[in-house]
Amino acid sequence: MFFFREKRFAVFLNQEDFYEGVRCGILHRGETDHGWRSNFTDISKPLLDVENKRINCTLFLEYMERSLDDYRNELRTSNWDSLLWLNLRCKMKQTITDCAQ
């Protein structure tokens, strides 16, 4: 799972309500659920405010861009036969299959 290996998003670990209300809500219904809201705010606000069920979208996007940059750089320096590349190829094949249906 992404949140277990990406330190920037460690605040989301063990946040079952977030997982169901945000992750599943956005992926499966295209919207947040269970009272969660995403706020476009400045980076001085926390990434996750569990008490008020808010996510700082500006900071989330910034962290996601950094994570993708890290991943891209790791791919660039990894051997084609590495587990990293194997996992990427498997995921892309499945994504293509899913999109064709």
N, C-alpha and C. Protein backbone atom coordinates (compact mmCIF):
# COMPACT_ATOMS: atom_id res chain seq x y z
N MET A 1 0.84 -1.18 0.00
CA MET A 1 0.00 0.00 0.00
C MET A 1 0.89 1.25 0.00
N PHE A 2 0.46 2.21 -0.75
CA PHE A 2 1.22 3.44 -0.96
C PHE A 2 1.57 4.15 0.35
N PHE A 3 0.59 4.29 1.24
CA PHE A 3 0.82 5.04 2.47
C PHE A 3 1.81 4.37 3.40
N PHE A 4 1.99 3.06 3.28
CA PHE A 4 2.95 2.36 4.12
C PHE A 4 4.38 2.61 3.69
N ARG A 5 4.59 2.85 2.42
CA ARG A 5 5.96 3.02 1.95
C ARG A 5 6.34 4.47 1.62
N GLU A 6 5.39 5.36 1.58
CA GLU A 6 5.67 6.76 1.25
C GLU A 6 5.59 7.61 2.51
N LYS A 7 6.75 8.02 3.00
CA LYS A 7 6.82 8.72 4.29
C LYS A 7 6.07 10.05 4.29
N ARG A 8 5.94 10.70 3.16
CA ARG A 8 5.24 11.98 3.12
C ARG A 8 3.77 11.85 3.54
N PHE A 9 3.22 10.66 3.35
CA PHE A 9 1.81 10.44 3.63
C PHE A 9 1.58 9.59 4.87
N ALA A 10 2.56 9.52 5.75
CA ALA A 10 2.46 8.69 6.95
C ALA A 10 1.27 9.08 7.83
N VAL A 11 0.83 10.33 7.78
CA VAL A 11 -0.30 10.75 8.61
C VAL A 11 -1.59 10.02 8.25
N PHE A 12 -1.63 9.41 7.06
CA PHE A 12 -2.83 8.70 6.63
C PHE A 12 -2.86 7.25 7.09
N LEU A 13 -1.77 6.76 7.66
CA LEU A 13 -1.74 5.39 8.14
C LEU A 13 -2.77 5.19 9.25
N ASN A 14 -3.42 4.07 9.22
CA ASN A 14 -4.40 3.70 10.24
C ASN A 14 -5.57 4.67 10.34
N GLN A 15 -5.87 5.33 9.25
CA GLN A 15 -7.01 6.25 9.20
C GLN A 15 -8.11 5.59 8.36
N GLU A 16 -8.77 4.61 8.95
CA GLU A 16 -9.79 3.83 8.24
C GLU A 16 -10.91 4.73 7.71
N ASP A 17 -11.32 5.70 8.50
CA ASP A 17 -12.39 6.60 8.05
C ASP A 17 -11.96 7.39 6.82
N PHE A 18 -10.70 7.83 6.81
CA PHE A 18 -10.16 8.51 5.63
C PHE A 18 -10.18 7.56 4.44
N TYR A 19 -9.71 6.34 4.65
CA TYR A 19 -9.63 5.36 3.56
C TYR A 19 -10.99 5.15 2.92
N GLU A 20 -12.01 4.96 3.75
CA GLU A 20 -13.35 4.71 3.22
C GLU A 20 -13.99 5.98 2.67
N GLY A 21 -13.85 7.08 3.39
CA GLY A 21 -14.54 8.31 3.00
C GLY A 21 -13.88 9.10 1.90
N VAL A 22 -12.56 8.98 1.77
CA VAL A 22 -11.86 9.77 0.76
C VAL A 22 -11.34 8.87 -0.36
N ARG A 23 -10.44 7.96 -0.01
CA ARG A 23 -9.84 7.11 -1.04
C ARG A 23 -10.91 6.34 -1.81
N CYS A 24 -11.75 5.58 -1.10
CA CYS A 24 -12.78 4.78 -1.76
C CYS A 24 -13.86 5.68 -2.37
N GLY A 25 -14.20 6.73 -1.66
CA GLY A 25 -15.22 7.64 -2.17
C GLY A 25 -14.84 8.26 -3.49
N ILE A 26 -13.62 8.75 -3.59
CA ILE A 26 -13.16 9.39 -4.82
C ILE A 26 -12.99 8.36 -5.94
N LEU A 27 -12.37 7.24 -5.62
CA LEU A 27 -12.13 6.24 -6.66
C LEU A 27 -13.40 5.59 -7.16
N HIS A 28 -14.35 5.33 -6.29
CA HIS A 28 -15.54 4.57 -6.68
C HIS A 28 -16.75 5.42 -7.01
N ARG A 29 -16.84 6.60 -6.43
CA ARG A 29 -18.00 7.45 -6.67
C ARG A 29 -17.66 8.85 -7.17
N GLY A 30 -16.38 9.17 -7.20
CA GLY A 30 -15.96 10.48 -7.69
C GLY A 30 -16.20 11.61 -6.71
N GLU A 31 -16.40 11.27 -5.43
CA GLU A 31 -16.62 12.30 -4.42
C GLU A 31 -16.24 11.77 -3.05
N THR A 32 -15.97 12.69 -2.13
CA THR A 32 -15.69 12.27 -0.76
C THR A 32 -16.99 11.87 -0.08
N ASP A 33 -16.86 11.16 1.04
CA ASP A 33 -18.02 10.64 1.74
C ASP A 33 -17.74 10.69 3.25
N HIS A 34 -18.71 10.36 4.06
CA HIS A 34 -18.56 10.31 5.52
C HIS A 34 -18.17 11.66 6.12
N GLY A 35 -18.56 12.75 5.47
CA GLY A 35 -18.28 14.09 6.01
C GLY A 35 -16.92 14.66 5.67
N TRP A 36 -16.12 13.92 4.91
CA TRP A 36 -14.78 14.41 4.54
C TRP A 36 -14.87 15.49 3.48
N ARG A 37 -13.97 16.46 3.56
CA ARG A 37 -13.88 17.54 2.59
C ARG A 37 -12.42 17.76 2.24
N SER A 38 -12.22 18.18 1.01
CA SER A 38 -10.87 18.57 0.60
C SER A 38 -10.87 20.07 0.43
N ASN A 39 -9.87 20.72 1.02
CA ASN A 39 -9.76 22.17 0.98
C ASN A 39 -8.54 22.57 0.17
N PHE A 40 -8.73 23.51 -0.71
CA PHE A 40 -7.60 24.10 -1.42
C PHE A 40 -7.12 25.25 -0.55
N THR A 41 -6.01 25.03 0.09
CA THR A 41 -5.54 25.98 1.09
C THR A 41 -4.03 26.11 0.97
N ASP A 42 -3.45 26.94 1.77
CA ASP A 42 -2.01 27.13 1.70
C ASP A 42 -1.28 26.00 2.41
N ILE A 43 0.00 25.89 2.14
CA ILE A 43 0.77 24.77 2.67
C ILE A 43 1.10 24.92 4.15
N SER A 44 0.73 26.03 4.76
CA SER A 44 0.97 26.18 6.19
C SER A 44 -0.03 25.38 7.02
N LYS A 45 -1.14 24.97 6.42
CA LYS A 45 -2.14 24.16 7.11
C LYS A 45 -1.69 22.70 7.08
N PRO A 46 -2.15 21.89 8.03
CA PRO A 46 -1.72 20.48 8.05
C PRO A 46 -2.28 19.72 6.85
N LEU A 47 -1.56 18.68 6.47
CA LEU A 47 -2.00 17.82 5.37
C LEU A 47 -3.32 17.15 5.70
N LEU A 48 -3.44 16.70 6.93
CA LEU A 48 -4.64 15.98 7.36
C LEU A 48 -5.14 16.55 8.67
N ASP A 49 -6.42 16.90 8.71
CA ASP A 49 -7.08 17.37 9.93
C ASP A 49 -8.21 16.38 10.22
N VAL A 50 -7.90 15.37 11.02
CA VAL A 50 -8.85 14.29 11.29
C VAL A 50 -10.08 14.82 12.04
N GLU A 51 -9.86 15.68 13.01
CA GLU A 51 -10.97 16.19 13.83
C GLU A 51 -12.04 16.86 12.98
N ASN A 52 -11.61 17.67 12.01
CA ASN A 52 -12.55 18.38 11.15
C ASN A 52 -12.77 17.71 9.80
N LYS A 53 -12.15 16.55 9.61
CA LYS A 53 -12.26 15.76 8.38
C LYS A 53 -11.93 16.60 7.15
N ARG A 54 -10.73 17.15 7.17
CA ARG A 54 -10.27 17.99 6.07
C ARG A 54 -8.91 17.51 5.57
N ILE A 55 -8.71 17.63 4.27
CA ILE A 55 -7.43 17.32 3.64
C ILE A 55 -6.98 18.56 2.91
N ASN A 56 -5.73 18.93 3.09
CA ASN A 56 -5.14 20.08 2.42
C ASN A 56 -4.74 19.64 1.00
N CYS A 57 -5.59 19.96 0.02
CA CYS A 57 -5.35 19.53 -1.36
C CYS A 57 -4.07 20.11 -1.95
N THR A 58 -3.75 21.33 -1.61
CA THR A 58 -2.55 21.97 -2.12
C THR A 58 -1.32 21.20 -1.68
N LEU A 59 -1.26 20.87 -0.40
CA LEU A 59 -0.13 20.13 0.13
C LEU A 59 -0.14 18.68 -0.37
N PHE A 60 -1.32 18.08 -0.46
CA PHE A 60 -1.43 16.71 -0.96
C PHE A 60 -0.87 16.64 -2.38
N LEU A 61 -1.26 17.57 -3.23
CA LEU A 61 -0.77 17.59 -4.60
C LEU A 61 0.74 17.78 -4.65
N GLU A 62 1.25 18.68 -3.84
CA GLU A 62 2.70 18.90 -3.80
C GLU A 62 3.44 17.62 -3.40
N TYR A 63 2.94 16.95 -2.36
CA TYR A 63 3.57 15.70 -1.92
C TYR A 63 3.45 14.62 -2.98
N MET A 64 2.32 14.56 -3.66
CA MET A 64 2.14 13.56 -4.70
C MET A 64 3.10 13.81 -5.86
N GLU A 65 3.28 15.05 -6.24
CA GLU A 65 4.23 15.38 -7.31
C GLU A 65 5.65 14.98 -6.92
N ARG A 66 6.01 15.23 -5.68
CA ARG A 66 7.35 14.84 -5.20
C ARG A 66 7.50 13.31 -5.20
N SER A 67 6.46 12.62 -4.80
CA SER A 67 6.50 11.16 -4.77
C SER A 67 6.64 10.59 -6.18
N LEU A 68 5.92 11.17 -7.11
CA LEU A 68 6.03 10.72 -8.51
C LEU A 68 7.41 11.03 -9.08
N ASP A 69 7.97 12.17 -8.72
CA ASP A 69 9.34 12.50 -9.15
C ASP A 69 10.33 11.48 -8.59
N ASP A 70 10.17 11.14 -7.33
CA ASP A 70 11.05 10.13 -6.71
C ASP A 70 10.93 8.80 -7.43
N TYR A 71 9.72 8.40 -7.73
CA TYR A 71 9.46 7.13 -8.41
C TYR A 71 10.09 7.14 -9.81
N ARG A 72 9.87 8.22 -10.54
CA ARG A 72 10.46 8.34 -11.87
C ARG A 72 11.99 8.25 -11.80
N ASN A 73 12.58 8.93 -10.86
CA ASN A 73 14.05 8.90 -10.72
C ASN A 73 14.54 7.51 -10.35
N GLU A 74 13.78 6.82 -9.51
CA GLU A 74 14.16 5.45 -9.15
C GLU A 74 14.07 4.53 -10.37
N LEU A 75 13.04 4.73 -11.19
CA LEU A 75 12.93 3.94 -12.43
C LEU A 75 14.11 4.21 -13.35
N ARG A 76 14.48 5.47 -13.48
CA ARG A 76 15.60 5.84 -14.36
C ARG A 76 16.91 5.17 -13.96
N THR A 77 17.10 4.94 -12.68
CA THR A 77 18.36 4.38 -12.20
C THR A 77 18.29 2.87 -11.96
N SER A 78 17.12 2.28 -12.21
CA SER A 78 16.95 0.84 -11.97
C SER A 78 17.11 0.05 -13.26
N ASN A 79 17.54 -1.16 -13.10
CA ASN A 79 17.67 -2.09 -14.21
C ASN A 79 16.29 -2.49 -14.72
N TRP A 80 16.17 -2.66 -16.01
CA TRP A 80 14.90 -3.03 -16.65
C TRP A 80 14.33 -4.32 -16.05
N ASP A 81 15.19 -5.21 -15.61
CA ASP A 81 14.75 -6.48 -15.05
C ASP A 81 14.51 -6.43 -13.54
N SER A 82 14.59 -5.27 -12.95
CA SER A 82 14.39 -5.14 -11.51
C SER A 82 12.93 -5.37 -11.14
N LEU A 83 12.71 -5.64 -9.88
CA LEU A 83 11.35 -5.82 -9.37
C LEU A 83 10.52 -4.55 -9.56
N LEU A 84 11.15 -3.40 -9.42
CA LEU A 84 10.45 -2.12 -9.60
C LEU A 84 9.84 -2.04 -11.00
N TRP A 85 10.64 -2.34 -12.02
CA TRP A 85 10.15 -2.30 -13.39
C TRP A 85 9.14 -3.42 -13.66
N LEU A 86 9.37 -4.58 -13.11
CA LEU A 86 8.42 -5.69 -13.28
C LEU A 86 7.06 -5.30 -12.73
N ASN A 87 7.04 -4.73 -11.54
CA ASN A 87 5.77 -4.29 -10.94
C ASN A 87 5.08 -3.22 -11.78
N LEU A 88 5.86 -2.29 -12.32
CA LEU A 88 5.28 -1.25 -13.16
C LEU A 88 4.66 -1.85 -14.42
N ARG A 89 5.37 -2.75 -15.06
CA ARG A 89 4.83 -3.37 -16.28
C ARG A 89 3.55 -4.15 -15.99
N CYS A 90 3.53 -4.88 -14.89
CA CYS A 90 2.32 -5.62 -14.52
C CYS A 90 1.15 -4.67 -14.27
N LYS A 91 1.41 -3.59 -13.55
CA LYS A 91 0.35 -2.62 -13.25
C LYS A 91 -0.16 -1.96 -14.53
N MET A 92 0.74 -1.60 -15.44
CA MET A 92 0.32 -0.96 -16.69
C MET A 92 -0.48 -1.91 -17.56
N LYS A 93 -0.09 -3.17 -17.62
CA LYS A 93 -0.86 -4.16 -18.38
C LYS A 93 -2.27 -4.28 -17.83
N GLN A 94 -2.39 -4.32 -16.51
CA GLN A 94 -3.71 -4.41 -15.90
C GLN A 94 -4.52 -3.14 -16.14
N THR A 95 -3.89 -2.00 -16.08
CA THR A 95 -4.59 -0.74 -16.35
C THR A 95 -5.12 -0.71 -17.78
N ILE A 96 -4.30 -1.13 -18.72
CA ILE A 96 -4.72 -1.17 -20.13
C ILE A 96 -5.89 -2.14 -20.30
N THR A 97 -5.81 -3.29 -19.66
CA THR A 97 -6.90 -4.27 -19.73
C THR A 97 -8.18 -3.68 -19.15
N ASP A 98 -8.07 -3.04 -18.00
CA ASP A 98 -9.24 -2.44 -17.35
C ASP A 98 -9.86 -1.34 -18.20
N CYS A 99 -9.04 -0.56 -18.88
CA CYS A 99 -9.54 0.54 -19.71
C CYS A 99 -10.22 0.03 -20.98
N ALA A 100 -9.83 -1.14 -21.44
CA ALA A 100 -10.40 -1.70 -22.66
C ALA A 100 -11.79 -2.29 -22.44
N GLN A 101 -12.16 -2.50 -21.20
CA GLN A 101 -13.46 -3.13 -20.91
C GLN A 101 -14.59 -2.15 -20.94
